[in-house]
Protein backbone atom coordinates (compact mmCIF):
# COMPACT_ATOMS: atom_id res chain seq x y z
CA UNK A 1 114.74 67.08 126.83
CA UNK A 2 114.85 65.14 130.14
CA UNK A 3 112.88 62.30 128.57
CA UNK A 4 115.32 62.18 125.65
CA UNK A 5 118.31 62.17 127.99
CA UNK A 6 116.78 59.41 130.09
CA UNK A 7 116.05 57.35 126.98
CA UNK A 8 119.66 57.74 125.90
CA UNK A 9 120.93 56.68 129.33
CA UNK A 10 118.66 53.64 129.23
CA UNK A 11 119.92 52.73 125.76
CA UNK A 12 123.53 53.00 126.94
CA UNK A 13 122.86 50.81 129.96
CA UNK A 14 121.21 48.23 127.72
CA UNK A 15 124.07 48.39 125.22
CA UNK A 16 126.57 47.78 128.00
CA UNK A 17 124.73 44.88 129.63
CA UNK A 18 126.86 41.71 129.77
CA UNK A 19 123.92 39.54 128.71
CA UNK A 20 123.51 41.49 125.45
CA UNK A 21 127.24 41.27 124.77
CA UNK A 22 127.20 37.50 125.33
CA UNK A 23 124.14 37.08 123.09
CA UNK A 24 125.73 39.21 120.35
CA UNK A 25 128.88 37.09 120.47
CA UNK A 26 126.74 33.97 120.18
CA UNK A 27 125.06 35.59 117.18
CA UNK A 28 128.42 36.26 115.55
CA UNK A 29 129.25 32.57 115.87
CA UNK A 30 125.87 31.73 114.30
CA UNK A 31 126.61 34.20 111.50
CA UNK A 32 129.80 32.27 110.92
CA UNK A 33 127.89 28.99 110.67
CA UNK A 34 125.55 30.61 108.14
CA UNK A 35 128.43 31.65 105.90
CA UNK A 36 130.09 28.26 106.17
CA UNK A 37 126.84 26.73 104.90
CA UNK A 38 126.63 29.22 102.02
CA UNK A 39 130.23 28.32 101.15
CA UNK A 40 129.30 24.62 101.17
CA UNK A 41 126.34 25.25 98.85
CA UNK A 42 128.56 27.35 96.57
CA UNK A 43 131.07 24.49 96.39
CA UNK A 44 128.30 22.03 95.50
CA UNK A 45 127.10 24.37 92.74
CA UNK A 46 130.68 24.63 91.46
CA UNK A 47 131.14 20.86 91.16
CA UNK A 48 127.67 20.28 89.73
CA UNK A 49 126.29 18.47 92.78
CA UNK A 50 122.63 18.91 93.82
CA UNK A 51 122.31 22.06 95.91
CA UNK A 52 119.57 24.25 97.28
CA UNK A 53 119.48 28.02 96.85
CA UNK A 54 122.98 29.39 97.30
CA UNK A 55 122.00 32.21 99.64
CA UNK A 56 121.11 32.82 103.28
CA UNK A 57 117.60 31.35 103.10
CA UNK A 58 118.91 28.30 101.26
CA UNK A 59 121.64 27.80 103.87
CA UNK A 60 119.15 28.02 106.74
CA UNK A 61 116.77 25.60 105.02
CA UNK A 62 119.67 23.19 104.41
CA UNK A 63 120.64 23.34 108.09
CA UNK A 64 117.05 22.88 109.28
CA UNK A 65 116.79 19.67 107.23
CA UNK A 66 119.76 18.08 109.05
CA UNK A 67 119.51 16.04 112.28
CA UNK A 68 119.30 18.51 115.17
CA UNK A 69 119.30 21.27 112.57
CA UNK A 70 116.11 22.98 113.71
CA UNK A 71 117.40 23.78 117.22
CA UNK A 72 120.55 25.19 115.60
CA UNK A 73 118.46 27.40 113.32
CA UNK A 74 116.51 28.54 116.39
CA UNK A 75 119.77 29.44 118.11
CA UNK A 76 120.96 31.34 115.06
CA UNK A 77 117.64 33.25 114.96
CA UNK A 78 118.05 34.27 118.62
CA UNK A 79 121.65 35.30 118.04
CA UNK A 80 120.73 37.36 114.98
CA UNK A 81 118.01 39.11 117.00
CA UNK A 82 120.61 40.03 119.64
CA UNK A 83 122.95 41.29 116.91
CA UNK A 84 120.16 43.41 115.43
CA UNK A 85 119.46 44.95 118.86
CA UNK A 86 123.18 45.53 119.44
CA UNK A 87 123.60 47.36 116.13
CA UNK A 88 120.37 49.29 116.66
CA UNK A 89 121.75 50.58 119.96
CA UNK A 90 125.05 51.37 118.25
CA UNK A 91 123.10 53.40 115.70
CA UNK A 92 121.30 55.27 118.48
CA UNK A 93 124.01 55.95 121.07
CA UNK A 94 127.17 54.17 119.95
CA UNK A 95 130.45 55.15 118.31
CA UNK A 96 131.16 57.69 121.04
CA UNK A 97 134.84 57.67 120.11
CA UNK A 98 133.95 59.36 116.82
CA UNK A 99 132.58 62.84 116.25
CA UNK A 100 130.80 64.87 113.61
CA UNK A 101 130.29 63.37 110.17
CA UNK A 102 132.40 60.30 111.00
CA UNK A 103 130.14 59.37 113.93
CA UNK A 104 127.04 59.92 111.79
CA UNK A 105 128.46 57.67 109.06
CA UNK A 106 129.33 54.92 111.56
CA UNK A 107 125.86 55.08 113.07
CA UNK A 108 124.24 54.84 109.64
CA UNK A 109 126.34 51.75 108.89
CA UNK A 110 125.21 50.25 112.20
CA UNK A 111 121.59 50.98 111.29
CA UNK A 112 122.10 49.16 107.99
CA UNK A 113 123.62 46.17 109.79
CA UNK A 114 120.66 46.12 112.18
CA UNK A 115 118.26 45.87 109.23
CA UNK A 116 120.30 43.03 107.67
CA UNK A 117 120.50 41.05 110.92
CA UNK A 118 116.79 41.57 111.59
CA UNK A 119 115.94 40.36 108.08
CA UNK A 120 118.10 37.27 108.44
CA UNK A 121 116.66 36.55 111.89
CA UNK A 122 113.15 36.81 110.47
CA UNK A 123 114.13 34.47 107.65
CA UNK A 124 115.42 31.95 110.20
CA UNK A 125 112.13 32.10 112.11
CA UNK A 126 110.18 31.55 108.87
CA UNK A 127 112.36 28.55 108.07
CA UNK A 128 111.52 27.10 111.48
CA UNK A 129 107.82 27.74 110.82
CA UNK A 130 108.22 26.20 107.36
CA UNK A 131 106.77 29.43 105.99
CA UNK A 132 109.89 30.73 104.26
CA UNK A 133 109.84 31.21 100.53
CA UNK A 134 113.09 30.97 98.63
CA UNK A 135 114.90 34.27 98.95
CA UNK A 136 115.97 34.03 95.32
CA UNK A 137 112.37 33.34 94.21
CA UNK A 138 111.13 36.35 96.17
CA UNK A 139 113.71 38.64 94.60
CA UNK A 140 112.85 37.37 91.13
CA UNK A 141 109.11 37.82 91.73
CA UNK A 142 109.53 41.39 93.01
CA UNK A 143 111.83 42.26 90.12
CA UNK A 144 109.39 40.79 87.60
CA UNK A 145 106.59 43.01 88.93
CA UNK A 146 108.81 46.08 88.83
CA UNK A 147 109.94 45.40 85.28
CA UNK A 148 106.41 45.88 83.99
CA UNK A 149 107.05 49.64 83.95
CA UNK A 150 109.90 51.92 82.94
CA UNK A 151 110.28 53.43 86.45
CA UNK A 152 110.23 49.91 87.88
CA UNK A 153 113.08 48.81 85.64
CA UNK A 154 115.00 51.91 86.68
CA UNK A 155 114.41 50.97 90.33
CA UNK A 156 115.80 47.48 89.71
CA UNK A 157 118.89 48.98 88.04
CA UNK A 158 119.32 51.41 90.94
CA UNK A 159 119.02 48.57 93.45
CA UNK A 160 121.65 46.64 91.51
CA UNK A 161 124.00 49.62 91.60
CA UNK A 162 123.53 49.89 95.38
CA UNK A 163 124.19 46.16 95.92
CA UNK A 164 127.26 46.30 93.69
CA UNK A 165 128.52 49.37 95.55
CA UNK A 166 128.06 47.55 98.87
CA UNK A 167 130.02 44.63 97.45
CA UNK A 168 132.86 46.91 96.33
CA UNK A 169 132.78 48.57 99.75
CA UNK A 170 133.09 45.21 101.50
CA UNK A 171 136.02 44.25 99.29
CA UNK A 172 137.79 47.56 99.97
CA UNK A 173 137.04 47.13 103.69
CA UNK A 174 138.78 43.76 103.53
CA UNK A 175 141.78 44.86 101.46
CA UNK A 176 142.42 47.90 103.67
CA UNK A 177 141.71 45.87 106.84
CA UNK A 178 139.22 48.47 107.99
CA UNK A 179 137.69 45.81 110.24
CA UNK A 180 140.77 45.85 112.46
CA UNK A 181 139.49 48.80 114.51
CA UNK A 182 136.57 46.69 115.71
CA UNK A 183 138.79 43.94 117.17
CA UNK A 184 140.52 43.70 120.55
CA UNK A 185 143.82 42.96 118.82
CA UNK A 186 145.72 43.73 122.01
CA UNK A 187 144.16 40.65 123.62
CA UNK A 188 145.41 38.36 120.86
CA UNK A 189 148.69 36.55 120.63
CA UNK A 190 150.84 37.50 117.65
CA UNK A 191 149.89 34.29 115.81
CA UNK A 192 146.17 34.76 116.42
CA UNK A 193 146.38 38.40 115.33
CA UNK A 194 148.06 37.49 112.04
CA UNK A 195 145.49 34.76 111.41
CA UNK A 196 142.56 37.06 112.28
CA UNK A 197 143.75 39.86 110.01
CA UNK A 198 144.42 37.49 107.12
CA UNK A 199 141.03 35.77 107.51
CA UNK A 200 139.22 39.10 107.69
CA UNK A 201 140.99 40.45 104.61
CA UNK A 202 140.29 37.34 102.52
CA UNK A 203 136.76 36.85 103.86
CA UNK A 204 135.52 40.40 103.33
CA UNK A 205 137.10 40.57 99.87
CA UNK A 206 135.45 37.32 98.76
CA UNK A 207 132.08 38.32 100.21
CA UNK A 208 132.36 41.72 98.54
CA UNK A 209 133.16 40.12 95.18
CA UNK A 210 130.11 37.86 95.44
CA UNK A 211 127.79 40.76 96.24
CA UNK A 212 129.31 42.98 93.56
CA UNK A 213 128.56 40.24 91.02
CA UNK A 214 125.00 39.89 92.37
CA UNK A 215 124.50 43.63 91.98
CA UNK A 216 125.88 43.59 88.44
CA UNK A 217 123.46 40.81 87.50
CA UNK A 218 120.61 42.85 88.98
CA UNK A 219 121.61 45.79 86.80
CA UNK A 220 121.66 43.51 83.73
CA UNK A 221 118.25 42.13 84.72
CA UNK A 222 116.79 45.64 84.85
CA UNK A 223 118.35 46.76 81.57
CA UNK A 224 117.35 43.61 79.65
CA UNK A 225 114.04 43.01 81.47
CA UNK A 226 115.20 39.52 82.48
CA UNK A 227 113.89 38.83 86.01
CA UNK A 228 115.50 35.37 86.00
CA UNK A 229 118.82 37.14 86.51
CA UNK A 230 117.50 39.01 89.55
CA UNK A 231 117.93 36.18 92.04
CA UNK A 232 120.51 37.78 94.28
CA UNK A 233 123.47 35.83 95.60
CA UNK A 234 122.14 32.52 94.24
CA UNK A 235 122.11 33.90 90.69
CA UNK A 236 125.61 35.33 91.16
CA UNK A 237 127.02 31.97 92.25
CA UNK A 238 125.24 30.00 89.52
CA UNK A 239 126.09 32.60 86.90
CA UNK A 240 129.76 32.39 87.83
CA UNK A 241 129.65 28.59 87.61
CA UNK A 242 128.26 28.83 84.05
CA UNK A 243 131.28 30.78 82.79
CA UNK A 244 134.35 29.17 81.20
CA UNK A 245 136.45 27.87 84.09
CA UNK A 246 133.75 29.36 86.31
CA UNK A 247 133.65 26.27 88.48
CA UNK A 248 137.22 26.88 89.59
CA UNK A 249 136.48 30.54 90.25
CA UNK A 250 133.39 29.60 92.25
CA UNK A 251 135.42 27.15 94.35
CA UNK A 252 137.71 30.10 95.12
CA UNK A 253 134.72 32.22 96.12
CA UNK A 254 133.42 29.36 98.27
CA UNK A 255 136.79 29.16 100.01
CA UNK A 256 136.68 32.92 100.59
CA UNK A 257 133.16 32.75 102.05
CA UNK A 258 134.25 29.89 104.29
CA UNK A 259 137.16 32.04 105.42
CA UNK A 260 134.71 34.82 106.27
CA UNK A 261 132.69 32.30 108.26
CA UNK A 262 135.85 31.41 110.19
CA UNK A 263 136.53 35.11 110.76
CA UNK A 264 133.08 35.44 112.35
CA UNK A 265 134.25 32.99 115.02
CA UNK A 266 137.24 35.25 115.62
CA UNK A 267 134.80 38.14 116.05
CA UNK A 268 132.79 36.08 118.52
CA UNK A 269 135.81 36.06 120.77
CA UNK A 270 137.50 39.40 120.08
CA UNK A 271 134.92 41.80 118.60
CA UNK A 272 134.44 45.04 120.53
CA UNK A 273 130.85 44.68 121.76
């Protein structure tokens, strides 16, 4: 028991260290840059311009190919690693203001965020090492292997349902402004607070819509045994562009994702870390 208590105290000290807070805020800014790039790729897909994969790996590869892009990708990788550690500590000893089932739920969400940030950080490192495969290609390849069997197809459908549910959850989170509790709104001026809440609502809703569509396409891929549809966010963006008036809708989604990227910069300054 003493060892467990000491481990928890150490985790709390680490979580409260100013250096980790600063690194996590830097990571939030990098997360914003990543979403601005995805929004740019989505816009290029919408207008029919040449574009790489419209997802996180595509955005990182696009950035790495620009002048001074590789150091920026390296900075984003470091920031994402700090964010993963921050959320891992939140999952272990955080959310002390909650209790019971609510605290457990918040810690599980933090654990999920830690996994996402760690995955994106690893992707950034692979991009720097020029060892990253297209995220969309990887998803399609895995789905194709799974679709060789009935249970595999069911797993793809189940994964699609989960992704769609996450997308719906993000949209609801945005509409209800559930993100507000994580911001130091008291430190903002009235104008900044209005802007932050509007950007968060629009950004989370747009991001949720994109992921809900990606999940729906994954479900369709599993049902119809069409792995080409199982390409994650890239397939969702390109699929939307292929619909009647889809280009206009995709430009709207791109604007929403860009708004989310801007909101990440707000978090960098006012997020409770």
